[in-house]
Amino acid sequence: MSNEPHPETDATPPQTADELMQAATARIAELEAERAELEDRWKRAEAETANIRARGRREVEETRQFAVQKFARDVVEAADNLHRGLTAIPAAAPGEPELVAKLREGFEGVERNILSLLERNGIKREDPTGAVFDPNLHQAMAEQESAEHPPGTVIQAWTDAWTLNGRLLRPAMVVVAKAPAGAPAGRMDTTA
C-alpha cells in the first residue's frame, strides 16, 4: 500500500451533528449550483440547435424559391418582347383578313398562357401606372410636368415591374409626374 494521504479517509470527520449538517448542506448547495449550471448550458445548447435548424430550413427554402432567378429574368424578357409585339399589331378592324385576326388571337392566347405559367411559379407582372413612385420597384426614366397627376405619380410605364416570390426581378421603367413650372412645391391639390 502506498503512504500517500487520502483526502476522503484522512480528513477529519465532523465531530458534532451540527457540523455534519452544515457539511451536508454545503455539499447539497454545491451540487445544486452545479446542476443549475449544467441545466443552463443544456438549455442554451438546445436553443442554439433549434436556431441552427430553423436557419437551415429558411436558407434551403429561400434557395429553392430563388434558384431560378436568372432563368426567370430571361423568361420575363421574352414575355415582355411578346407583349411589345402584340401591342404593335394594329387593333382589329372590320374587313381585315381572317388570317391576321387568327394570328392576333393566337398570340394573345400564348401571352395569357405564359403569364399564367409565370404566376403559378411565383413570377408576377405589376403595372405601376397611376401608383406613387417607389424606388424599390420603379426606375424613373423621365419626369414630365403634369397638372393632372400629383407629383411623384407614375404617369406612364415603359415596362412593367416583375417580381419572383415577392423579390424584385426587374424594376418598371417609368415616367414620373412633376409639378408644372411655376406651381408651388410639394403635392398638388387634385380635388378641384
N, C-alpha and C. Protein backbone atom coordinates (compact mmCIF):
# COMPACT_ATOMS: atom_id res chain seq x y z
N MET A 1 0.84 -1.18 0.00
CA MET A 1 0.00 0.00 0.00
C MET A 1 0.87 1.23 0.00
N SER A 2 0.34 2.27 -0.56
CA SER A 2 1.13 3.50 -0.60
C SER A 2 0.93 4.29 0.66
N ASN A 3 1.87 5.19 0.91
CA ASN A 3 1.80 6.01 2.10
C ASN A 3 1.21 7.40 1.83
N GLU A 4 0.60 7.57 0.64
CA GLU A 4 0.02 8.87 0.30
C GLU A 4 -1.26 9.08 1.07
N PRO A 5 -1.53 10.33 1.48
CA PRO A 5 -2.75 10.59 2.22
C PRO A 5 -3.96 10.54 1.30
N HIS A 6 -5.07 10.07 1.76
CA HIS A 6 -6.34 10.05 1.02
C HIS A 6 -7.26 11.07 1.66
N PRO A 7 -7.66 12.10 0.86
CA PRO A 7 -8.45 13.17 1.45
C PRO A 7 -9.77 12.69 2.02
N GLU A 8 -10.42 11.70 1.35
CA GLU A 8 -11.71 11.26 1.88
C GLU A 8 -11.56 10.51 3.20
N THR A 9 -10.52 9.69 3.32
CA THR A 9 -10.37 8.87 4.51
C THR A 9 -9.54 9.53 5.58
N ASP A 10 -8.62 10.43 5.17
CA ASP A 10 -7.73 11.05 6.14
C ASP A 10 -8.28 12.36 6.70
N ALA A 11 -9.30 12.92 6.05
CA ALA A 11 -9.83 14.18 6.55
C ALA A 11 -10.49 13.94 7.89
N THR A 12 -10.47 14.97 8.66
CA THR A 12 -11.06 14.85 9.97
C THR A 12 -12.58 14.91 9.81
N PRO A 13 -13.27 13.87 10.21
CA PRO A 13 -14.72 13.88 10.07
C PRO A 13 -15.33 14.88 11.04
N PRO A 14 -16.48 15.46 10.65
CA PRO A 14 -17.14 16.41 11.56
C PRO A 14 -17.43 15.72 12.88
N GLN A 15 -17.32 16.48 13.92
CA GLN A 15 -17.45 15.92 15.25
C GLN A 15 -18.88 15.95 15.76
N THR A 16 -19.59 16.99 15.44
CA THR A 16 -20.93 17.12 16.00
C THR A 16 -21.98 16.99 14.91
N ALA A 17 -23.18 16.84 15.33
CA ALA A 17 -24.31 16.74 14.40
C ALA A 17 -24.47 18.04 13.62
N ASP A 18 -24.25 19.19 14.28
CA ASP A 18 -24.36 20.48 13.59
C ASP A 18 -23.31 20.60 12.49
N GLU A 19 -22.08 20.19 12.80
CA GLU A 19 -21.02 20.25 11.80
C GLU A 19 -21.34 19.32 10.63
N LEU A 20 -21.87 18.13 10.94
CA LEU A 20 -22.26 17.18 9.92
C LEU A 20 -23.37 17.76 9.04
N MET A 21 -24.36 18.42 9.65
CA MET A 21 -25.47 19.03 8.94
C MET A 21 -24.98 20.18 8.07
N GLN A 22 -24.06 21.00 8.58
CA GLN A 22 -23.51 22.12 7.81
C GLN A 22 -22.73 21.60 6.60
N ALA A 23 -21.94 20.55 6.79
CA ALA A 23 -21.17 19.97 5.69
C ALA A 23 -22.11 19.41 4.63
N ALA A 24 -23.16 18.72 5.07
CA ALA A 24 -24.13 18.14 4.13
C ALA A 24 -24.88 19.25 3.39
N THR A 25 -25.27 20.29 4.10
CA THR A 25 -25.98 21.42 3.49
C THR A 25 -25.08 22.12 2.48
N ALA A 26 -23.81 22.30 2.80
CA ALA A 26 -22.87 22.94 1.88
C ALA A 26 -22.69 22.09 0.62
N ARG A 27 -22.59 20.77 0.82
CA ARG A 27 -22.41 19.86 -0.33
C ARG A 27 -23.68 19.87 -1.20
N ILE A 28 -24.83 19.89 -0.60
CA ILE A 28 -26.09 19.94 -1.36
C ILE A 28 -26.16 21.25 -2.16
N ALA A 29 -25.80 22.36 -1.55
CA ALA A 29 -25.82 23.64 -2.24
C ALA A 29 -24.84 23.63 -3.41
N GLU A 30 -23.66 23.06 -3.19
CA GLU A 30 -22.66 22.97 -4.24
C GLU A 30 -23.17 22.12 -5.41
N LEU A 31 -23.80 20.99 -5.12
CA LEU A 31 -24.35 20.12 -6.16
C LEU A 31 -25.53 20.78 -6.88
N GLU A 32 -26.37 21.52 -6.16
CA GLU A 32 -27.50 22.21 -6.79
C GLU A 32 -27.00 23.31 -7.72
N ALA A 33 -25.95 24.03 -7.32
CA ALA A 33 -25.38 25.06 -8.18
C ALA A 33 -24.79 24.43 -9.44
N GLU A 34 -24.11 23.32 -9.29
CA GLU A 34 -23.53 22.62 -10.44
C GLU A 34 -24.64 22.12 -11.37
N ARG A 35 -25.71 21.57 -10.80
CA ARG A 35 -26.84 21.09 -11.59
C ARG A 35 -27.50 22.25 -12.35
N ALA A 36 -27.66 23.40 -11.69
CA ALA A 36 -28.27 24.57 -12.34
C ALA A 36 -27.40 25.05 -13.49
N GLU A 37 -26.09 25.06 -13.28
CA GLU A 37 -25.19 25.48 -14.35
C GLU A 37 -25.26 24.53 -15.54
N LEU A 38 -25.26 23.23 -15.26
CA LEU A 38 -25.36 22.24 -16.34
C LEU A 38 -26.70 22.34 -17.06
N GLU A 39 -27.77 22.57 -16.31
CA GLU A 39 -29.09 22.72 -16.93
C GLU A 39 -29.12 23.96 -17.82
N ASP A 40 -28.53 25.05 -17.37
CA ASP A 40 -28.48 26.28 -18.16
C ASP A 40 -27.70 26.05 -19.46
N ARG A 41 -26.55 25.38 -19.35
CA ARG A 41 -25.75 25.08 -20.54
C ARG A 41 -26.54 24.20 -21.52
N TRP A 42 -27.24 23.21 -20.97
CA TRP A 42 -28.02 22.30 -21.82
C TRP A 42 -29.14 23.07 -22.53
N LYS A 43 -29.84 23.95 -21.81
CA LYS A 43 -30.92 24.73 -22.43
C LYS A 43 -30.39 25.65 -23.52
N ARG A 44 -29.25 26.27 -23.25
CA ARG A 44 -28.65 27.15 -24.27
C ARG A 44 -28.23 26.34 -25.51
N ALA A 45 -27.67 25.16 -25.29
CA ALA A 45 -27.26 24.32 -26.41
C ALA A 45 -28.49 23.88 -27.22
N GLU A 46 -29.57 23.52 -26.54
CA GLU A 46 -30.81 23.14 -27.22
C GLU A 46 -31.37 24.30 -28.02
N ALA A 47 -31.35 25.50 -27.44
CA ALA A 47 -31.86 26.68 -28.15
C ALA A 47 -31.00 26.97 -29.39
N GLU A 48 -29.70 26.87 -29.26
CA GLU A 48 -28.80 27.10 -30.38
C GLU A 48 -29.03 26.07 -31.48
N THR A 49 -29.22 24.83 -31.10
CA THR A 49 -29.50 23.78 -32.07
C THR A 49 -30.82 24.06 -32.80
N ALA A 50 -31.83 24.47 -32.07
CA ALA A 50 -33.12 24.80 -32.71
C ALA A 50 -32.95 25.98 -33.66
N ASN A 51 -32.18 26.99 -33.27
CA ASN A 51 -31.94 28.14 -34.15
C ASN A 51 -31.20 27.72 -35.42
N ILE A 52 -30.21 26.86 -35.29
CA ILE A 52 -29.45 26.39 -36.45
C ILE A 52 -30.37 25.62 -37.40
N ARG A 53 -31.22 24.76 -36.84
CA ARG A 53 -32.16 24.00 -37.69
C ARG A 53 -33.11 24.94 -38.42
N ALA A 54 -33.67 25.91 -37.70
CA ALA A 54 -34.62 26.86 -38.31
C ALA A 54 -33.91 27.68 -39.39
N ARG A 55 -32.71 28.16 -39.11
CA ARG A 55 -31.96 28.94 -40.09
C ARG A 55 -31.67 28.09 -41.32
N GLY A 56 -31.30 26.86 -41.11
CA GLY A 56 -31.03 25.95 -42.23
C GLY A 56 -32.26 25.72 -43.09
N ARG A 57 -33.42 25.52 -42.44
CA ARG A 57 -34.68 25.35 -43.20
C ARG A 57 -35.00 26.60 -44.01
N ARG A 58 -34.83 27.79 -43.37
CA ARG A 58 -35.10 29.05 -44.09
C ARG A 58 -34.17 29.20 -45.29
N GLU A 59 -32.89 28.89 -45.10
CA GLU A 59 -31.94 29.03 -46.20
C GLU A 59 -32.24 28.07 -47.34
N VAL A 60 -32.61 26.84 -47.00
CA VAL A 60 -32.97 25.87 -48.04
C VAL A 60 -34.21 26.34 -48.79
N GLU A 61 -35.21 26.82 -48.07
CA GLU A 61 -36.44 27.31 -48.71
C GLU A 61 -36.16 28.52 -49.59
N GLU A 62 -35.35 29.44 -49.10
CA GLU A 62 -35.01 30.62 -49.89
C GLU A 62 -34.22 30.24 -51.13
N THR A 63 -33.29 29.32 -50.99
CA THR A 63 -32.52 28.85 -52.13
C THR A 63 -33.44 28.20 -53.15
N ARG A 64 -34.38 27.39 -52.67
CA ARG A 64 -35.33 26.73 -53.57
C ARG A 64 -36.19 27.76 -54.30
N GLN A 65 -36.66 28.79 -53.57
CA GLN A 65 -37.53 29.79 -54.18
C GLN A 65 -36.81 30.66 -55.19
N PHE A 66 -35.56 30.98 -54.96
CA PHE A 66 -34.87 31.96 -55.79
C PHE A 66 -33.76 31.37 -56.66
N ALA A 67 -33.65 30.04 -56.70
CA ALA A 67 -32.62 29.41 -57.51
C ALA A 67 -32.84 29.67 -59.00
N VAL A 68 -34.06 29.91 -59.39
CA VAL A 68 -34.39 30.12 -60.79
C VAL A 68 -34.39 31.59 -61.18
N GLN A 69 -33.82 32.44 -60.35
CA GLN A 69 -33.91 33.89 -60.58
C GLN A 69 -33.34 34.30 -61.94
N LYS A 70 -32.18 33.79 -62.33
CA LYS A 70 -31.59 34.16 -63.61
C LYS A 70 -32.48 33.67 -64.75
N PHE A 71 -32.94 32.45 -64.67
CA PHE A 71 -33.83 31.91 -65.69
C PHE A 71 -35.12 32.73 -65.76
N ALA A 72 -35.65 33.10 -64.60
CA ALA A 72 -36.88 33.89 -64.56
C ALA A 72 -36.69 35.23 -65.24
N ARG A 73 -35.54 35.87 -65.05
CA ARG A 73 -35.28 37.15 -65.73
C ARG A 73 -35.31 36.98 -67.25
N ASP A 74 -34.73 35.89 -67.72
CA ASP A 74 -34.71 35.64 -69.16
C ASP A 74 -36.13 35.39 -69.69
N VAL A 75 -36.92 34.64 -68.96
CA VAL A 75 -38.29 34.35 -69.38
C VAL A 75 -39.13 35.63 -69.36
N VAL A 76 -38.91 36.46 -68.35
CA VAL A 76 -39.62 37.73 -68.25
C VAL A 76 -39.30 38.62 -69.45
N GLU A 77 -38.05 38.61 -69.86
CA GLU A 77 -37.65 39.40 -71.04
C GLU A 77 -38.40 38.91 -72.27
N ALA A 78 -38.50 37.58 -72.44
CA ALA A 78 -39.24 37.03 -73.58
C ALA A 78 -40.72 37.40 -73.50
N ALA A 79 -41.30 37.35 -72.29
CA ALA A 79 -42.71 37.72 -72.13
C ALA A 79 -42.93 39.19 -72.48
N ASP A 80 -41.99 40.05 -72.07
CA ASP A 80 -42.10 41.48 -72.41
C ASP A 80 -42.00 41.69 -73.92
N ASN A 81 -41.10 40.97 -74.57
CA ASN A 81 -40.96 41.10 -76.02
C ASN A 81 -42.23 40.63 -76.74
N LEU A 82 -42.83 39.56 -76.26
CA LEU A 82 -44.10 39.10 -76.83
C LEU A 82 -45.18 40.17 -76.66
N HIS A 83 -45.21 40.79 -75.48
CA HIS A 83 -46.20 41.84 -75.22
C HIS A 83 -45.97 43.04 -76.14
N ARG A 84 -44.70 43.42 -76.31
CA ARG A 84 -44.39 44.54 -77.23
C ARG A 84 -44.86 44.21 -78.65
N GLY A 85 -44.63 42.99 -79.07
CA GLY A 85 -45.07 42.58 -80.41
C GLY A 85 -46.59 42.64 -80.54
N LEU A 86 -47.29 42.21 -79.51
CA LEU A 86 -48.77 42.26 -79.54
C LEU A 86 -49.28 43.69 -79.59
N THR A 87 -48.65 44.58 -78.84
CA THR A 87 -49.12 45.97 -78.86
C THR A 87 -48.80 46.65 -80.18
N ALA A 88 -47.84 46.11 -80.94
CA ALA A 88 -47.51 46.69 -82.24
C ALA A 88 -48.50 46.26 -83.33
N ILE A 89 -49.22 45.16 -83.09
CA ILE A 89 -50.22 44.71 -84.07
C ILE A 89 -51.40 45.68 -84.04
N PRO A 90 -51.84 46.13 -85.21
CA PRO A 90 -52.99 47.05 -85.23
C PRO A 90 -54.22 46.39 -84.63
N ALA A 91 -55.09 47.23 -84.06
CA ALA A 91 -56.33 46.72 -83.46
C ALA A 91 -57.19 46.09 -84.55
N ALA A 92 -58.05 45.20 -84.13
CA ALA A 92 -58.95 44.53 -85.08
C ALA A 92 -59.77 45.58 -85.82
N ALA A 93 -59.92 45.36 -87.10
CA ALA A 93 -60.68 46.30 -87.93
C ALA A 93 -61.63 45.51 -88.81
N PRO A 94 -62.78 46.10 -89.10
CA PRO A 94 -63.71 45.39 -90.00
C PRO A 94 -63.06 45.16 -91.35
N GLY A 95 -63.28 43.98 -91.89
CA GLY A 95 -62.77 43.66 -93.22
C GLY A 95 -61.31 43.22 -93.24
N GLU A 96 -60.67 43.07 -92.07
CA GLU A 96 -59.29 42.61 -92.09
C GLU A 96 -59.26 41.13 -92.45
N PRO A 97 -58.17 40.69 -93.03
CA PRO A 97 -58.09 39.27 -93.41
C PRO A 97 -58.24 38.37 -92.18
N GLU A 98 -58.90 37.25 -92.38
CA GLU A 98 -59.15 36.30 -91.28
C GLU A 98 -57.84 35.79 -90.69
N LEU A 99 -56.83 35.64 -91.52
CA LEU A 99 -55.53 35.16 -91.06
C LEU A 99 -54.92 36.11 -90.02
N VAL A 100 -55.04 37.42 -90.22
CA VAL A 100 -54.49 38.40 -89.28
C VAL A 100 -55.23 38.30 -87.95
N ALA A 101 -56.55 38.18 -88.00
CA ALA A 101 -57.34 38.06 -86.77
C ALA A 101 -56.96 36.79 -86.01
N LYS A 102 -56.79 35.68 -86.70
CA LYS A 102 -56.42 34.42 -86.05
C LYS A 102 -55.01 34.50 -85.46
N LEU A 103 -54.08 35.15 -86.17
CA LEU A 103 -52.73 35.31 -85.63
C LEU A 103 -52.77 36.14 -84.35
N ARG A 104 -53.52 37.25 -84.37
CA ARG A 104 -53.64 38.10 -83.17
C ARG A 104 -54.20 37.29 -82.02
N GLU A 105 -55.30 36.56 -82.26
CA GLU A 105 -55.92 35.74 -81.20
C GLU A 105 -54.94 34.68 -80.69
N GLY A 106 -54.19 34.09 -81.59
CA GLY A 106 -53.23 33.06 -81.20
C GLY A 106 -52.13 33.62 -80.31
N PHE A 107 -51.57 34.77 -80.72
CA PHE A 107 -50.52 35.39 -79.91
C PHE A 107 -51.06 35.86 -78.56
N GLU A 108 -52.28 36.36 -78.53
CA GLU A 108 -52.88 36.77 -77.25
C GLU A 108 -53.06 35.56 -76.34
N GLY A 109 -53.46 34.43 -76.93
CA GLY A 109 -53.59 33.20 -76.14
C GLY A 109 -52.26 32.72 -75.59
N VAL A 110 -51.21 32.82 -76.41
CA VAL A 110 -49.86 32.44 -75.97
C VAL A 110 -49.43 33.34 -74.81
N GLU A 111 -49.69 34.64 -74.94
CA GLU A 111 -49.31 35.56 -73.86
C GLU A 111 -50.05 35.23 -72.57
N ARG A 112 -51.36 35.00 -72.65
CA ARG A 112 -52.14 34.63 -71.45
C ARG A 112 -51.57 33.37 -70.81
N ASN A 113 -51.23 32.39 -71.66
CA ASN A 113 -50.70 31.13 -71.16
C ASN A 113 -49.36 31.34 -70.47
N ILE A 114 -48.48 32.13 -71.06
CA ILE A 114 -47.16 32.40 -70.46
C ILE A 114 -47.33 33.12 -69.12
N LEU A 115 -48.20 34.14 -69.09
CA LEU A 115 -48.41 34.88 -67.84
C LEU A 115 -48.99 33.98 -66.75
N SER A 116 -49.89 33.10 -67.12
CA SER A 116 -50.47 32.16 -66.15
C SER A 116 -49.40 31.21 -65.63
N LEU A 117 -48.57 30.69 -66.52
CA LEU A 117 -47.49 29.80 -66.12
C LEU A 117 -46.51 30.50 -65.18
N LEU A 118 -46.17 31.76 -65.51
CA LEU A 118 -45.26 32.52 -64.66
C LEU A 118 -45.87 32.74 -63.27
N GLU A 119 -47.15 33.12 -63.22
CA GLU A 119 -47.80 33.35 -61.92
C GLU A 119 -47.84 32.09 -61.08
N ARG A 120 -48.09 30.95 -61.69
CA ARG A 120 -48.11 29.68 -60.94
C ARG A 120 -46.75 29.39 -60.32
N ASN A 121 -45.71 29.96 -60.90
CA ASN A 121 -44.36 29.73 -60.40
C ASN A 121 -43.80 30.92 -59.63
N GLY A 122 -44.69 31.82 -59.16
CA GLY A 122 -44.29 32.90 -58.27
C GLY A 122 -43.77 34.15 -58.97
N ILE A 123 -43.90 34.22 -60.31
CA ILE A 123 -43.41 35.38 -61.06
C ILE A 123 -44.62 36.23 -61.43
N LYS A 124 -44.60 37.49 -60.99
CA LYS A 124 -45.75 38.36 -61.23
C LYS A 124 -45.32 39.64 -61.94
N ARG A 125 -46.21 40.10 -62.82
CA ARG A 125 -46.01 41.36 -63.53
C ARG A 125 -46.90 42.39 -62.88
N GLU A 126 -46.35 43.58 -62.62
CA GLU A 126 -47.11 44.64 -61.97
C GLU A 126 -47.03 45.91 -62.80
N ASP A 127 -48.19 46.39 -63.22
CA ASP A 127 -48.27 47.64 -63.98
C ASP A 127 -48.30 48.79 -62.98
N PRO A 128 -47.29 49.65 -62.99
CA PRO A 128 -47.22 50.72 -61.99
C PRO A 128 -47.98 51.99 -62.35
N THR A 129 -48.61 52.03 -63.51
CA THR A 129 -49.28 53.25 -63.96
C THR A 129 -50.29 53.70 -62.92
N GLY A 130 -50.17 54.96 -62.50
CA GLY A 130 -51.08 55.54 -61.51
C GLY A 130 -50.62 55.38 -60.07
N ALA A 131 -49.60 54.56 -59.85
CA ALA A 131 -49.10 54.34 -58.49
C ALA A 131 -48.11 55.45 -58.11
N VAL A 132 -47.88 55.59 -56.82
CA VAL A 132 -46.86 56.52 -56.34
C VAL A 132 -45.50 55.90 -56.66
N PHE A 133 -44.57 56.71 -57.14
CA PHE A 133 -43.23 56.23 -57.48
C PHE A 133 -42.59 55.57 -56.26
N ASP A 134 -42.10 54.35 -56.44
CA ASP A 134 -41.43 53.59 -55.39
C ASP A 134 -40.06 53.18 -55.92
N PRO A 135 -38.98 53.75 -55.39
CA PRO A 135 -37.64 53.42 -55.92
C PRO A 135 -37.27 51.95 -55.73
N ASN A 136 -38.01 51.23 -54.88
CA ASN A 136 -37.75 49.80 -54.71
C ASN A 136 -38.34 48.97 -55.84
N LEU A 137 -39.30 49.53 -56.58
CA LEU A 137 -39.96 48.80 -57.66
C LEU A 137 -39.84 49.48 -59.02
N HIS A 138 -39.54 50.78 -59.01
CA HIS A 138 -39.56 51.55 -60.25
C HIS A 138 -38.22 52.20 -60.52
N GLN A 139 -37.92 52.35 -61.81
CA GLN A 139 -36.74 53.08 -62.24
C GLN A 139 -37.24 54.26 -63.06
N ALA A 140 -37.04 55.47 -62.56
CA ALA A 140 -37.52 56.67 -63.25
C ALA A 140 -36.64 56.91 -64.47
N MET A 141 -37.27 56.90 -65.63
CA MET A 141 -36.55 57.14 -66.88
C MET A 141 -36.69 58.60 -67.32
N ALA A 142 -37.77 59.23 -66.85
CA ALA A 142 -38.01 60.63 -67.21
C ALA A 142 -39.01 61.22 -66.24
N GLU A 143 -39.02 62.55 -66.18
CA GLU A 143 -40.04 63.28 -65.44
C GLU A 143 -40.82 64.11 -66.45
N GLN A 144 -42.09 64.27 -66.19
CA GLN A 144 -42.92 65.04 -67.10
C GLN A 144 -43.84 65.93 -66.29
N GLU A 145 -43.91 67.19 -66.67
CA GLU A 145 -44.81 68.11 -65.97
C GLU A 145 -46.24 67.67 -66.21
N SER A 146 -47.04 67.72 -65.15
CA SER A 146 -48.43 67.32 -65.27
C SER A 146 -49.26 68.05 -64.23
N ALA A 147 -50.33 68.67 -64.71
CA ALA A 147 -51.28 69.31 -63.80
C ALA A 147 -52.36 68.32 -63.41
N GLU A 148 -52.45 67.20 -64.14
CA GLU A 148 -53.50 66.20 -63.91
C GLU A 148 -53.11 65.17 -62.85
N HIS A 149 -51.83 65.00 -62.59
CA HIS A 149 -51.36 63.98 -61.65
C HIS A 149 -50.53 64.63 -60.55
N PRO A 150 -50.64 64.14 -59.33
CA PRO A 150 -49.80 64.66 -58.25
C PRO A 150 -48.32 64.36 -58.54
N PRO A 151 -47.43 65.25 -58.15
CA PRO A 151 -46.00 64.97 -58.34
C PRO A 151 -45.63 63.65 -57.66
N GLY A 152 -44.76 62.91 -58.33
CA GLY A 152 -44.32 61.63 -57.77
C GLY A 152 -45.19 60.46 -58.20
N THR A 153 -46.18 60.71 -59.04
CA THR A 153 -47.06 59.64 -59.53
C THR A 153 -46.52 59.10 -60.85
N VAL A 154 -46.59 57.80 -61.03
CA VAL A 154 -46.18 57.19 -62.30
C VAL A 154 -47.29 57.46 -63.31
N ILE A 155 -46.94 58.21 -64.37
CA ILE A 155 -47.97 58.53 -65.36
C ILE A 155 -47.86 57.66 -66.60
N GLN A 156 -46.72 57.00 -66.78
CA GLN A 156 -46.56 56.10 -67.91
C GLN A 156 -45.52 55.05 -67.54
N ALA A 157 -45.79 53.82 -67.94
CA ALA A 157 -44.83 52.73 -67.70
C ALA A 157 -44.30 52.26 -69.05
N TRP A 158 -42.99 52.37 -69.25
CA TRP A 158 -42.40 51.86 -70.47
C TRP A 158 -42.32 50.34 -70.40
N THR A 159 -42.02 49.83 -69.19
CA THR A 159 -42.06 48.39 -68.94
C THR A 159 -42.68 48.18 -67.57
N ASP A 160 -43.22 47.00 -67.35
CA ASP A 160 -43.80 46.66 -66.06
C ASP A 160 -42.73 46.17 -65.10
N ALA A 161 -43.06 46.17 -63.82
CA ALA A 161 -42.17 45.59 -62.81
C ALA A 161 -42.45 44.08 -62.74
N TRP A 162 -41.44 43.31 -62.49
CA TRP A 162 -41.57 41.86 -62.35
C TRP A 162 -40.98 41.43 -61.01
N THR A 163 -41.70 40.55 -60.30
CA THR A 163 -41.21 40.03 -59.02
C THR A 163 -41.23 38.51 -59.04
N LEU A 164 -40.33 37.93 -58.27
CA LEU A 164 -40.28 36.48 -58.08
C LEU A 164 -40.48 36.21 -56.59
N ASN A 165 -41.62 35.64 -56.25
CA ASN A 165 -41.97 35.37 -54.85
C ASN A 165 -41.78 36.60 -53.98
N GLY A 166 -42.21 37.74 -54.50
CA GLY A 166 -42.14 38.99 -53.74
C GLY A 166 -40.82 39.73 -53.86
N ARG A 167 -39.80 39.14 -54.44
CA ARG A 167 -38.49 39.78 -54.60
C ARG A 167 -38.42 40.37 -56.01
N LEU A 168 -37.92 41.58 -56.12
CA LEU A 168 -37.85 42.27 -57.40
C LEU A 168 -36.92 41.54 -58.36
N LEU A 169 -37.45 41.21 -59.54
CA LEU A 169 -36.63 40.65 -60.62
C LEU A 169 -36.12 41.76 -61.53
N ARG A 170 -37.07 42.64 -61.90
CA ARG A 170 -36.72 43.75 -62.77
C ARG A 170 -37.64 44.92 -62.48
N PRO A 171 -37.06 46.10 -62.26
CA PRO A 171 -37.90 47.26 -61.96
C PRO A 171 -38.65 47.73 -63.21
N ALA A 172 -39.76 48.40 -62.96
CA ALA A 172 -40.50 49.01 -64.06
C ALA A 172 -39.77 50.28 -64.48
N MET A 173 -39.71 50.52 -65.78
CA MET A 173 -39.13 51.77 -66.28
C MET A 173 -40.31 52.72 -66.49
N VAL A 174 -40.26 53.84 -65.78
CA VAL A 174 -41.44 54.69 -65.71
C VAL A 174 -41.15 56.16 -65.97
N VAL A 175 -42.22 56.88 -66.30
CA VAL A 175 -42.20 58.33 -66.41
C VAL A 175 -42.97 58.84 -65.20
N VAL A 176 -42.38 59.76 -64.47
CA VAL A 176 -42.95 60.25 -63.21
C VAL A 176 -43.42 61.69 -63.39
N ALA A 177 -44.59 61.98 -62.82
CA ALA A 177 -45.15 63.33 -62.90
C ALA A 177 -44.37 64.27 -61.99
N LYS A 178 -44.22 65.51 -62.48
CA LYS A 178 -43.66 66.57 -61.64
C LYS A 178 -44.56 67.78 -61.79
N ALA A 179 -44.47 68.67 -60.82
CA ALA A 179 -45.32 69.86 -60.83
C ALA A 179 -44.97 70.74 -62.03
N PRO A 180 -45.99 71.35 -62.64
CA PRO A 180 -45.72 72.26 -63.76
C PRO A 180 -44.87 73.44 -63.29
N ALA A 181 -44.14 74.01 -64.20
CA ALA A 181 -43.30 75.16 -63.88
C ALA A 181 -44.17 76.26 -63.29
N GLY A 182 -43.73 76.87 -62.22
CA GLY A 182 -44.47 77.94 -61.57
C GLY A 182 -45.47 77.45 -60.53
N ALA A 183 -45.69 76.14 -60.46
CA ALA A 183 -46.60 75.60 -59.44
C ALA A 183 -45.87 75.52 -58.11
N PRO A 184 -46.58 75.66 -56.99
CA PRO A 184 -45.92 75.55 -55.69
C PRO A 184 -45.30 74.16 -55.50
N ALA A 185 -44.24 74.10 -54.76
CA ALA A 185 -43.57 72.82 -54.49
C ALA A 185 -44.46 71.94 -53.62
N GLY A 186 -44.22 70.64 -53.67
CA GLY A 186 -45.00 69.71 -52.87
C GLY A 186 -46.12 69.12 -53.69
N ARG A 187 -46.98 68.41 -53.03
CA ARG A 187 -48.09 67.75 -53.70
C ARG A 187 -49.12 68.77 -54.16
N MET A 188 -49.69 68.52 -55.32
CA MET A 188 -50.72 69.41 -55.85
C MET A 188 -52.08 68.97 -55.33
N ASP A 189 -52.99 69.89 -55.19
CA ASP A 189 -54.35 69.58 -54.77
C ASP A 189 -55.13 69.11 -55.99
N THR A 190 -55.58 67.85 -55.96
CA THR A 190 -56.30 67.31 -57.09
C THR A 190 -57.79 67.29 -56.87
N THR A 191 -58.28 67.95 -55.82
CA THR A 191 -59.72 67.92 -55.53
C THR A 191 -60.48 68.96 -56.31
N ALA A 192 -59.82 69.87 -56.96
CA ALA A 192 -60.51 70.94 -57.69
C ALA A 192 -61.07 70.45 -58.99
